[in-house]
Amino acid sequence: MQLPFIYEINIESTEMTLPQNNSLAIEATNLNIYYGTFRAVKDVSLKIPQNKVTALIGPSGCGKSTLIRSFNRMNELVPGSHLKGEILFRGENIYAQTVDPVEVRRKIGMVFQKPNPFPKSIYENVAWGAKLNGFKSELGYPNMDEWVEQCLRKAALWDEVKDKLDQSGLSLSGGQQQRLCIARTIAIQPEIILMDEPASALDPIATLKIEELMRELVEEYTIIVVTHNMHQAARVSDYTAFLTMDEDRSGVLVEYGQTNQIFTNPRDSRTEGYITGRYG
């Protein structure tokens, strides 16, 4: 099943290769997520590899955001939500009663669709999260000024803001605000960064900067991104998971594999129909 177009990806092989257990960042097994009595995600099992970009794609309402928020227990903040199944991080079920959700969210950070900098200075936006999570300057570690600079550099923002660190983060453009939020997430030293449509509200130039940043950050972090932009998924991700809605409107996982395989040789007709725009 060869698709009648070419996405901007480096096609080395169309063989599906899934990550091995010894290189996993997250493993979800038989995941069912509910809002009250409504099952938003049904029987999803997914292995997310370390230091790769994994994209979640699919039509609106298929549970992509619900799924990604389950990876750091953000769904627990929604009244009536509950989950069955398990999500392993470092070999431990993050929903076990002995696991602190705050610690989970420190290790698995989140960047939201709409930039949400704090009403503080650019400097304090980065430093506040670090302080809240117990950052201390010790022998061999940077002081706070150095740490803020490192985080802003990793977010590709330092050169644009280094002379105005005392200005409000809200004074930045939308794209800059989103990169500031990424710097704030990096400041708490996570292992995984979740991104829920991080560029959907941005212009094309700002979107490209976010995409370039994802490819740079994956050298140090695991990135899981929800996107409606098929070209974006093809450009930035190493693995892609396609979800859709079942007859009962629950989100189900249709196909998961290396991005080049998903976009050039999908194994399910529903995947081909979605990425070619025939439905969804």
Protein backbone atom coordinates (compact mmCIF):
# COMPACT_ATOMS: atom_id res chain seq x y z
CA MET A 1 0.00 0.00 0.00
CA GLN A 2 2.12 2.90 -1.25
CA LEU A 3 0.68 6.37 -0.72
CA PRO A 4 0.37 8.77 -3.68
CA PHE A 5 2.50 11.50 -2.13
CA ILE A 6 5.74 12.00 -0.23
CA TYR A 7 6.09 13.54 3.20
CA GLU A 8 9.28 15.26 4.30
CA ILE A 9 10.89 12.27 5.99
CA ASN A 10 14.05 10.31 5.58
CA ILE A 11 12.90 6.93 4.33
CA GLU A 12 15.44 4.28 5.26
CA SER A 13 13.06 1.37 5.65
CA THR A 14 9.36 0.67 5.68
CA GLU A 15 9.76 -2.29 8.04
CA MET A 16 7.94 -1.74 11.33
CA THR A 17 10.34 -1.82 14.26
CA LEU A 18 8.93 -1.21 17.72
CA PRO A 19 11.09 -0.19 20.70
CA GLN A 20 12.50 -2.90 22.92
CA ASN A 21 11.71 -3.12 26.63
CA ASN A 22 15.23 -2.17 27.70
CA SER A 23 14.99 1.21 25.94
CA LEU A 24 11.52 2.30 27.05
CA ALA A 25 10.60 5.62 28.62
CA ILE A 26 6.95 4.69 29.23
CA GLU A 27 4.97 1.49 28.76
CA ALA A 28 1.16 1.61 28.87
CA THR A 29 -0.73 -1.67 29.11
CA ASN A 30 -4.48 -2.23 28.64
CA LEU A 31 -5.19 1.42 29.35
CA ASN A 32 -8.82 2.47 29.81
CA ILE A 33 -9.50 6.07 30.83
CA TYR A 34 -12.91 7.29 31.95
CA TYR A 35 -14.63 10.60 32.58
CA GLY A 36 -17.46 9.48 34.82
CA THR A 37 -19.10 6.62 32.95
CA PHE A 38 -17.76 7.64 29.53
CA ARG A 39 -14.73 5.69 28.37
CA ALA A 40 -12.52 8.15 26.51
CA VAL A 41 -9.63 5.73 25.80
CA LYS A 42 -10.14 1.99 25.34
CA ASP A 43 -7.65 -0.86 25.71
CA VAL A 44 -4.56 1.07 24.59
CA SER A 45 -1.15 -0.58 24.96
CA LEU A 46 1.84 1.48 23.88
CA LYS A 47 5.63 1.36 24.31
CA ILE A 48 7.32 4.78 24.16
CA PRO A 49 11.08 4.67 23.46
CA GLN A 50 13.66 6.77 25.27
CA ASN A 51 15.25 9.79 23.59
CA LYS A 52 12.90 9.69 20.63
CA VAL A 53 10.03 11.90 19.49
CA THR A 54 6.75 9.99 19.47
CA ALA A 55 3.75 11.66 17.81
CA LEU A 56 0.12 10.92 18.63
CA ILE A 57 -2.16 11.66 15.67
CA GLY A 58 -5.83 11.16 14.95
CA PRO A 59 -9.14 12.99 14.52
CA SER A 60 -10.52 15.37 17.12
CA GLY A 61 -12.14 13.60 20.04
CA CYS A 62 -10.20 10.34 19.71
CA GLY A 63 -8.50 10.67 23.09
CA LYS A 64 -5.02 11.91 22.15
CA SER A 65 -4.91 14.63 24.80
CA THR A 66 -6.51 12.33 27.37
CA LEU A 67 -3.85 9.72 26.64
CA ILE A 68 -0.87 12.07 26.85
CA ARG A 69 -2.17 13.61 30.09
CA SER A 70 -2.43 10.17 31.61
CA PHE A 71 1.35 9.82 31.29
CA ASN A 72 1.91 12.27 34.15
CA ARG A 73 -1.41 11.88 36.00
CA MET A 74 -2.77 15.25 34.84
CA ASN A 75 -6.16 13.64 34.23
CA GLU A 76 -6.53 13.21 37.98
CA LEU A 77 -7.16 16.96 38.18
CA VAL A 78 -10.42 16.46 36.25
CA PRO A 79 -13.32 15.57 38.59
CA GLY A 80 -14.78 12.14 37.88
CA SER A 81 -11.85 10.83 35.86
CA HIS A 82 -10.37 7.43 36.61
CA LEU A 83 -8.12 4.91 34.94
CA LYS A 84 -7.77 1.16 34.59
CA GLY A 85 -4.63 -0.58 33.37
CA GLU A 86 -1.09 0.49 34.15
CA ILE A 87 1.56 2.93 33.01
CA LEU A 88 5.13 1.99 33.82
CA PHE A 89 7.87 4.58 34.25
CA ARG A 90 11.26 3.27 35.39
CA GLY A 91 9.54 -0.09 35.77
CA GLU A 92 7.03 1.22 38.35
CA ASN A 93 3.32 1.79 37.86
CA ILE A 94 2.87 5.56 38.24
CA TYR A 95 -0.72 5.00 39.43
CA ALA A 96 0.31 2.81 42.34
CA GLN A 97 -0.88 4.11 45.71
CA THR A 98 2.70 4.51 46.94
CA VAL A 99 3.65 6.85 44.06
CA ASP A 100 3.50 10.62 44.62
CA PRO A 101 1.81 12.33 41.61
CA VAL A 102 3.81 15.51 42.23
CA GLU A 103 7.04 13.57 41.79
CA VAL A 104 5.64 12.00 38.62
CA ARG A 105 4.90 15.45 37.19
CA ARG A 106 8.40 16.62 38.04
CA LYS A 107 9.98 13.78 36.09
CA ILE A 108 7.40 13.93 33.29
CA GLY A 109 6.87 17.59 32.40
CA MET A 110 4.07 19.11 30.31
CA VAL A 111 3.90 21.85 27.68
CA PHE A 112 0.34 22.86 26.84
CA GLN A 113 -1.35 23.92 23.62
CA LYS A 114 -1.63 27.56 24.62
CA PRO A 115 1.50 29.23 26.04
CA ASN A 116 0.94 29.88 29.74
CA PRO A 117 3.88 31.82 31.19
CA PHE A 118 3.51 32.99 34.76
CA PRO A 119 2.83 36.72 35.31
CA LYS A 120 6.43 37.08 36.40
CA SER A 121 9.70 38.13 34.80
CA ILE A 122 11.33 35.96 32.16
CA TYR A 123 14.01 35.07 34.70
CA GLU A 124 11.49 34.13 37.41
CA ASN A 125 9.45 32.03 35.01
CA VAL A 126 12.42 29.70 34.71
CA ALA A 127 13.79 30.05 38.25
CA TRP A 128 10.44 29.62 40.03
CA GLY A 129 9.90 26.04 38.90
CA ALA A 130 13.48 25.13 39.73
CA LYS A 131 13.17 26.61 43.24
CA LEU A 132 9.83 24.90 43.81
CA ASN A 133 11.43 21.56 43.03
CA GLY A 134 14.35 22.01 45.40
CA PHE A 135 17.08 23.33 43.10
CA LYS A 136 20.19 24.13 45.10
CA SER A 137 23.53 25.46 44.00
CA GLU A 138 26.13 23.01 45.22
CA LEU A 139 29.69 22.13 44.37
CA GLY A 140 29.85 21.05 40.74
CA TYR A 141 26.39 22.43 39.92
CA PRO A 142 25.50 25.79 38.37
CA ASN A 143 24.13 28.65 40.41
CA MET A 144 20.62 29.89 39.62
CA ASP A 145 21.76 32.53 37.12
CA GLU A 146 23.74 29.93 35.23
CA TRP A 147 20.88 27.45 35.39
CA VAL A 148 18.36 29.95 34.01
CA GLU A 149 20.76 30.72 31.17
CA GLN A 150 21.30 27.01 30.43
CA CYS A 151 17.56 26.36 30.29
CA LEU A 152 16.90 29.37 28.06
CA ARG A 153 19.72 28.26 25.77
CA LYS A 154 18.27 24.75 25.55
CA ALA A 155 14.93 26.33 24.64
CA ALA A 156 16.64 28.39 21.89
CA LEU A 157 15.53 31.61 23.58
CA TRP A 158 18.60 33.01 25.35
CA ASP A 159 19.88 35.18 22.52
CA GLU A 160 16.45 36.81 22.16
CA VAL A 161 15.88 37.61 25.85
CA LYS A 162 19.29 37.83 27.55
CA ASP A 163 19.09 41.63 27.73
CA LYS A 164 15.55 41.75 29.13
CA LEU A 165 15.36 38.99 31.73
CA ASP A 166 13.57 41.33 34.14
CA GLN A 167 10.72 41.97 31.72
CA SER A 168 7.43 40.10 32.02
CA GLY A 169 7.19 36.76 30.26
CA LEU A 170 3.80 37.96 29.03
CA SER A 171 5.54 40.65 26.96
CA LEU A 172 7.00 38.03 24.61
CA SER A 173 5.47 36.91 21.32
CA GLY A 174 3.41 33.72 21.25
CA GLY A 175 6.26 31.62 19.92
CA GLN A 176 8.69 33.06 22.45
CA GLN A 177 6.20 32.44 25.26
CA GLN A 178 5.94 28.80 24.24
CA ARG A 179 9.72 28.42 24.24
CA LEU A 180 9.78 30.11 27.66
CA CYS A 181 7.31 27.48 28.86
CA ILE A 182 9.63 24.80 27.47
CA ALA A 183 12.57 26.40 29.34
CA ARG A 184 10.45 26.40 32.51
CA THR A 185 9.74 22.70 32.00
CA ILE A 186 13.42 21.92 31.43
CA ALA A 187 14.31 23.80 34.62
CA ILE A 188 12.73 21.11 36.81
CA GLN A 189 15.00 18.51 35.18
CA PRO A 190 12.42 16.10 33.75
CA GLU A 191 13.22 12.92 31.88
CA ILE A 192 10.18 13.13 29.61
CA ILE A 193 8.52 16.19 28.04
CA LEU A 194 4.88 15.91 26.99
CA MET A 195 3.66 18.42 24.40
CA ASP A 196 -0.04 18.79 23.66
CA GLU A 197 -0.25 20.55 20.27
CA PRO A 198 2.51 22.99 21.24
CA ALA A 199 2.49 24.85 17.91
CA SER A 200 -1.20 24.87 16.97
CA ALA A 201 -1.65 28.51 18.01
CA LEU A 202 1.59 29.75 16.42
CA ASP A 203 2.49 31.21 13.03
CA PRO A 204 4.56 29.12 10.56
CA ILE A 205 7.92 30.65 11.54
CA ALA A 206 7.32 30.13 15.25
CA THR A 207 6.05 26.62 14.51
CA LEU A 208 9.26 25.78 12.67
CA LYS A 209 11.33 26.97 15.64
CA ILE A 210 9.36 24.70 17.97
CA GLU A 211 9.87 21.76 15.59
CA GLU A 212 13.61 22.41 15.35
CA LEU A 213 13.74 22.67 19.14
CA MET A 214 12.06 19.27 19.53
CA ARG A 215 14.72 17.64 17.38
CA GLU A 216 17.45 19.26 19.50
CA LEU A 217 15.87 18.42 22.86
CA VAL A 218 15.40 14.75 22.01
CA GLU A 219 19.15 14.31 22.45
CA GLU A 220 18.56 14.72 26.21
CA TYR A 221 14.86 14.06 26.74
CA THR A 222 12.08 11.77 25.58
CA ILE A 223 9.38 13.78 23.81
CA ILE A 224 5.75 12.77 23.27
CA VAL A 225 3.73 15.22 21.16
CA VAL A 226 0.08 15.42 20.18
CA THR A 227 -0.41 17.06 16.79
CA HIS A 228 -3.14 17.49 14.18
CA ASN A 229 -0.52 18.55 11.62
CA MET A 230 0.44 15.52 9.52
CA HIS A 231 3.42 17.28 7.97
CA GLN A 232 4.64 18.21 11.44
CA ALA A 233 4.35 14.62 12.67
CA ALA A 234 6.26 13.43 9.62
CA ARG A 235 8.98 16.05 10.06
CA VAL A 236 9.71 15.78 13.76
CA SER A 237 8.79 12.32 15.02
CA ASP A 238 10.63 9.01 15.08
CA TYR A 239 7.53 6.98 16.01
CA THR A 240 3.86 7.68 15.31
CA ALA A 241 0.72 6.31 16.94
CA PHE A 242 -2.58 6.72 15.10
CA LEU A 243 -5.75 6.75 17.17
CA THR A 244 -9.36 6.98 16.08
CA MET A 245 -12.83 6.63 17.59
CA ASP A 246 -14.56 3.30 17.97
CA GLU A 247 -18.31 2.87 17.47
CA ASP A 248 -18.93 3.88 21.09
CA ARG A 249 -16.77 7.01 20.55
CA SER A 250 -13.98 5.65 22.71
CA GLY A 251 -10.45 6.35 21.51
CA VAL A 252 -8.65 3.26 20.22
CA LEU A 253 -5.10 2.72 18.96
CA VAL A 254 -5.20 1.64 15.32
CA GLU A 255 -1.53 1.50 14.39
CA TYR A 256 1.85 2.30 15.91
CA GLY A 257 5.30 2.12 14.40
CA GLN A 258 8.23 4.04 12.99
CA THR A 259 7.07 7.27 11.36
CA ASN A 260 8.48 6.40 7.94
CA GLN A 261 6.47 3.17 7.92
CA ILE A 262 3.24 4.80 9.14
CA PHE A 263 3.38 7.53 6.49
CA THR A 264 4.60 5.53 3.51
CA ASN A 265 3.32 2.00 4.10
CA PRO A 266 0.50 1.94 6.68
CA ARG A 267 -0.82 -1.48 7.54
CA ASP A 268 -4.40 -0.41 8.26
CA SER A 269 -6.73 1.23 5.74
CA ARG A 270 -8.01 3.59 8.44
CA THR A 271 -4.49 4.97 8.88
CA GLU A 272 -4.10 5.53 5.16
CA GLY A 273 -7.52 7.20 4.98
CA TYR A 274 -6.64 9.61 7.76
CA ILE A 275 -3.18 10.69 6.66
CA THR A 276 -4.33 11.15 3.05
CA GLY A 277 -7.23 13.31 4.23
CA ARG A 278 -10.01 11.00 3.08
CA TYR A 279 -11.58 11.04 6.54
CA GLY A 280 -11.08 12.55 9.97
